[in-house]
Amino acid sequence: MAATAKQVLLQIARLSRKLACDVPFRKKFEDIIGDTQTSTQKRVVQMRALLKSAGFRSPTQVRIFNDLGETPRVVISYDASDLRLQTAITTSFTFQLNPGP
């Protein structure tokens, strides 16, 4: 069964709260994003595993951006169905590391 828009929004709110309150989880999250030695594909797999181990629904798409000169960030997307509008939607959560000194 596809997730509803409300379920996905609650999922993103839970993730945002966990990143704000759970320091060990946030550290793991940031380490995966900022790791330049590991391939992007492997980091995507690591991010999916971290989210699953923390009890989150598996995202539809995980994209990690860490190009030279760019601030590392991750975009986590979930597909859902909006029952009121009777349409499919995609909701995304972007987390960006603070640029270093």
C-alpha atoms as a PDB file:
ATOM      1  CA  MET A   1       0.000   0.000   0.000  1.00  0.00           C
ATOM      2  CA  ALA A   2       1.348   3.429  -0.941  1.00  0.00           C
ATOM      3  CA  ALA A   3       2.010   5.942   1.774  1.00  0.00           C
ATOM      4  CA  THR A   4      -0.359   8.854   2.158  1.00  0.00           C
ATOM      5  CA  ALA A   5       0.832  12.457   2.052  1.00  0.00           C
ATOM      6  CA  LYS A   6       0.117  12.790   5.783  1.00  0.00           C
ATOM      7  CA  GLN A   7       2.217   9.693   6.618  1.00  0.00           C
ATOM      8  CA  VAL A   8       5.131  11.009   4.571  1.00  0.00           C
ATOM      9  CA  LEU A   9       4.969  14.471   6.154  1.00  0.00           C
ATOM     10  CA  LEU A  10       4.936  12.902   9.627  1.00  0.00           C
ATOM     11  CA  GLN A  11       7.912  10.742   8.608  1.00  0.00           C
ATOM     12  CA  ILE A  12       9.886  13.828   7.536  1.00  0.00           C
ATOM     13  CA  ALA A  13       8.940  15.633  10.752  1.00  0.00           C
ATOM     14  CA  ARG A  14      10.193  12.631  12.778  1.00  0.00           C
ATOM     15  CA  LEU A  15      13.464  12.641  10.838  1.00  0.00           C
ATOM     16  CA  SER A  16      13.923  16.365  11.384  1.00  0.00           C
ATOM     17  CA  ARG A  17      13.289  15.971  15.117  1.00  0.00           C
ATOM     18  CA  LYS A  18      15.650  13.002  15.384  1.00  0.00           C
ATOM     19  CA  LEU A  19      18.418  14.971  13.677  1.00  0.00           C
ATOM     20  CA  ALA A  20      17.841  17.860  16.080  1.00  0.00           C
ATOM     21  CA  CYS A  21      17.714  15.795  19.280  1.00  0.00           C
ATOM     22  CA  ASP A  22      19.728  12.590  18.760  1.00  0.00           C
ATOM     23  CA  VAL A  23      23.440  13.514  18.645  1.00  0.00           C
ATOM     24  CA  PRO A  24      24.823  10.008  17.839  1.00  0.00           C
ATOM     25  CA  PHE A  25      22.303   9.604  14.977  1.00  0.00           C
ATOM     26  CA  ARG A  26      23.133  13.054  13.623  1.00  0.00           C
ATOM     27  CA  LYS A  27      26.877  12.283  13.787  1.00  0.00           C
ATOM     28  CA  LYS A  28      26.396   9.083  11.752  1.00  0.00           C
ATOM     29  CA  PHE A  29      24.157  10.979   9.316  1.00  0.00           C
ATOM     30  CA  GLU A  30      26.758  13.736   8.862  1.00  0.00           C
ATOM     31  CA  ASP A  31      29.637  11.254   8.541  1.00  0.00           C
ATOM     32  CA  ILE A  32      27.901   9.499   5.650  1.00  0.00           C
ATOM     33  CA  ILE A  33      27.213  12.779   3.844  1.00  0.00           C
ATOM     34  CA  GLY A  34      30.705  14.209   4.361  1.00  0.00           C
ATOM     35  CA  ASP A  35      32.682  11.061   3.504  1.00  0.00           C
ATOM     36  CA  THR A  36      34.645  11.786   0.339  1.00  0.00           C
ATOM     37  CA  GLN A  37      36.587   8.508   0.309  1.00  0.00           C
ATOM     38  CA  THR A  38      33.535   6.277  -0.241  1.00  0.00           C
ATOM     39  CA  SER A  39      31.643   6.109  -3.526  1.00  0.00           C
ATOM     40  CA  THR A  40      28.314   7.901  -3.749  1.00  0.00           C
ATOM     41  CA  GLN A  41      26.514   4.614  -4.448  1.00  0.00           C
ATOM     42  CA  LYS A  42      27.874   3.054  -1.251  1.00  0.00           C
ATOM     43  CA  ARG A  43      26.974   6.149   0.788  1.00  0.00           C
ATOM     44  CA  VAL A  44      23.404   5.979  -0.534  1.00  0.00           C
ATOM     45  CA  VAL A  45      23.208   2.349   0.630  1.00  0.00           C
ATOM     46  CA  GLN A  46      24.654   3.353   4.027  1.00  0.00           C
ATOM     47  CA  MET A  47      22.110   6.184   4.359  1.00  0.00           C
ATOM     48  CA  ARG A  48      19.211   3.857   3.529  1.00  0.00           C
ATOM     49  CA  ALA A  49      20.511   1.339   6.106  1.00  0.00           C
ATOM     50  CA  LEU A  50      20.868   4.066   8.757  1.00  0.00           C
ATOM     51  CA  LEU A  51      17.308   5.286   8.173  1.00  0.00           C
ATOM     52  CA  LYS A  52      15.928   1.733   8.264  1.00  0.00           C
ATOM     53  CA  SER A  53      17.824   0.884  11.471  1.00  0.00           C
ATOM     54  CA  ALA A  54      16.372   4.023  13.087  1.00  0.00           C
ATOM     55  CA  GLY A  55      12.833   2.874  12.254  1.00  0.00           C
ATOM     56  CA  PHE A  56      12.110   5.118   9.292  1.00  0.00           C
ATOM     57  CA  ARG A  57      10.186   4.117   6.173  1.00  0.00           C
ATOM     58  CA  SER A  58      12.459   3.326   3.238  1.00  0.00           C
ATOM     59  CA  PRO A  59      12.736   6.427   1.043  1.00  0.00           C
ATOM     60  CA  THR A  60      11.895   6.309  -2.647  1.00  0.00           C
ATOM     61  CA  GLN A  61      15.116   8.100  -3.522  1.00  0.00           C
ATOM     62  CA  VAL A  62      18.285   9.192  -1.718  1.00  0.00           C
ATOM     63  CA  ARG A  63      20.657  11.594  -3.466  1.00  0.00           C
ATOM     64  CA  ILE A  64      23.960  12.707  -1.959  1.00  0.00           C
ATOM     65  CA  PHE A  65      25.755  15.745  -3.357  1.00  0.00           C
ATOM     66  CA  ASN A  66      29.384  16.272  -2.355  1.00  0.00           C
ATOM     67  CA  ASP A  67      31.138  17.778  -5.360  1.00  0.00           C
ATOM     68  CA  LEU A  68      34.270  19.851  -5.050  1.00  0.00           C
ATOM     69  CA  GLY A  69      33.468  23.383  -3.997  1.00  0.00           C
ATOM     70  CA  GLU A  70      29.938  22.399  -3.011  1.00  0.00           C
ATOM     71  CA  THR A  71      28.613  22.068   0.525  1.00  0.00           C
ATOM     72  CA  PRO A  72      27.765  18.370   1.153  1.00  0.00           C
ATOM     73  CA  ARG A  73      24.039  17.657   1.301  1.00  0.00           C
ATOM     74  CA  VAL A  74      21.522  14.845   1.035  1.00  0.00           C
ATOM     75  CA  VAL A  75      18.044  14.883  -0.475  1.00  0.00           C
ATOM     76  CA  ILE A  76      15.682  12.182   0.795  1.00  0.00           C
ATOM     77  CA  SER A  77      12.469  11.760  -1.223  1.00  0.00           C
ATOM     78  CA  TYR A  78       9.257   9.871  -0.534  1.00  0.00           C
ATOM     79  CA  ASP A  79       6.472   9.158  -3.015  1.00  0.00           C
ATOM     80  CA  ALA A  80       2.944   9.331  -1.655  1.00  0.00           C
ATOM     81  CA  SER A  81      -0.696   9.536  -2.635  1.00  0.00           C
ATOM     82  CA  ASP A  82      -2.762  12.581  -1.805  1.00  0.00           C
ATOM     83  CA  LEU A  83      -6.214  11.187  -1.108  1.00  0.00           C
ATOM     84  CA  ARG A  84      -7.983  14.556  -1.263  1.00  0.00           C
ATOM     85  CA  LEU A  85      -6.503  15.583  -4.604  1.00  0.00           C
ATOM     86  CA  GLN A  86      -6.371  11.987  -5.836  1.00  0.00           C
ATOM     87  CA  THR A  87      -2.880  12.420  -7.212  1.00  0.00           C
ATOM     88  CA  ALA A  88       0.640  11.133  -6.645  1.00  0.00           C
ATOM     89  CA  ILE A  89       3.117  13.478  -4.970  1.00  0.00           C
ATOM     90  CA  THR A  90       6.795  13.428  -4.070  1.00  0.00           C
ATOM     91  CA  THR A  91       7.931  15.063  -0.839  1.00  0.00           C
ATOM     92  CA  SER A  92      11.621  15.733  -0.218  1.00  0.00           C
ATOM     93  CA  PHE A  93      13.764  16.533   2.803  1.00  0.00           C
ATOM     94  CA  THR A  94      17.118  18.262   2.260  1.00  0.00           C
ATOM     95  CA  PHE A  95      19.863  18.241   4.884  1.00  0.00           C
ATOM     96  CA  GLN A  96      23.007  20.275   4.273  1.00  0.00           C
ATOM     97  CA  LEU A  97      26.187  20.287   6.316  1.00  0.00           C
ATOM     98  CA  ASN A  98      27.411  23.639   7.594  1.00  0.00           C
ATOM     99  CA  PRO A  99      30.310  24.888   5.498  1.00  0.00           C
ATOM    100  CA  GLY A 100      33.665  24.626   7.255  1.00  0.00           C
ATOM    101  CA  PRO A 101      35.930  27.552   8.131  1.00  0.00           C
END
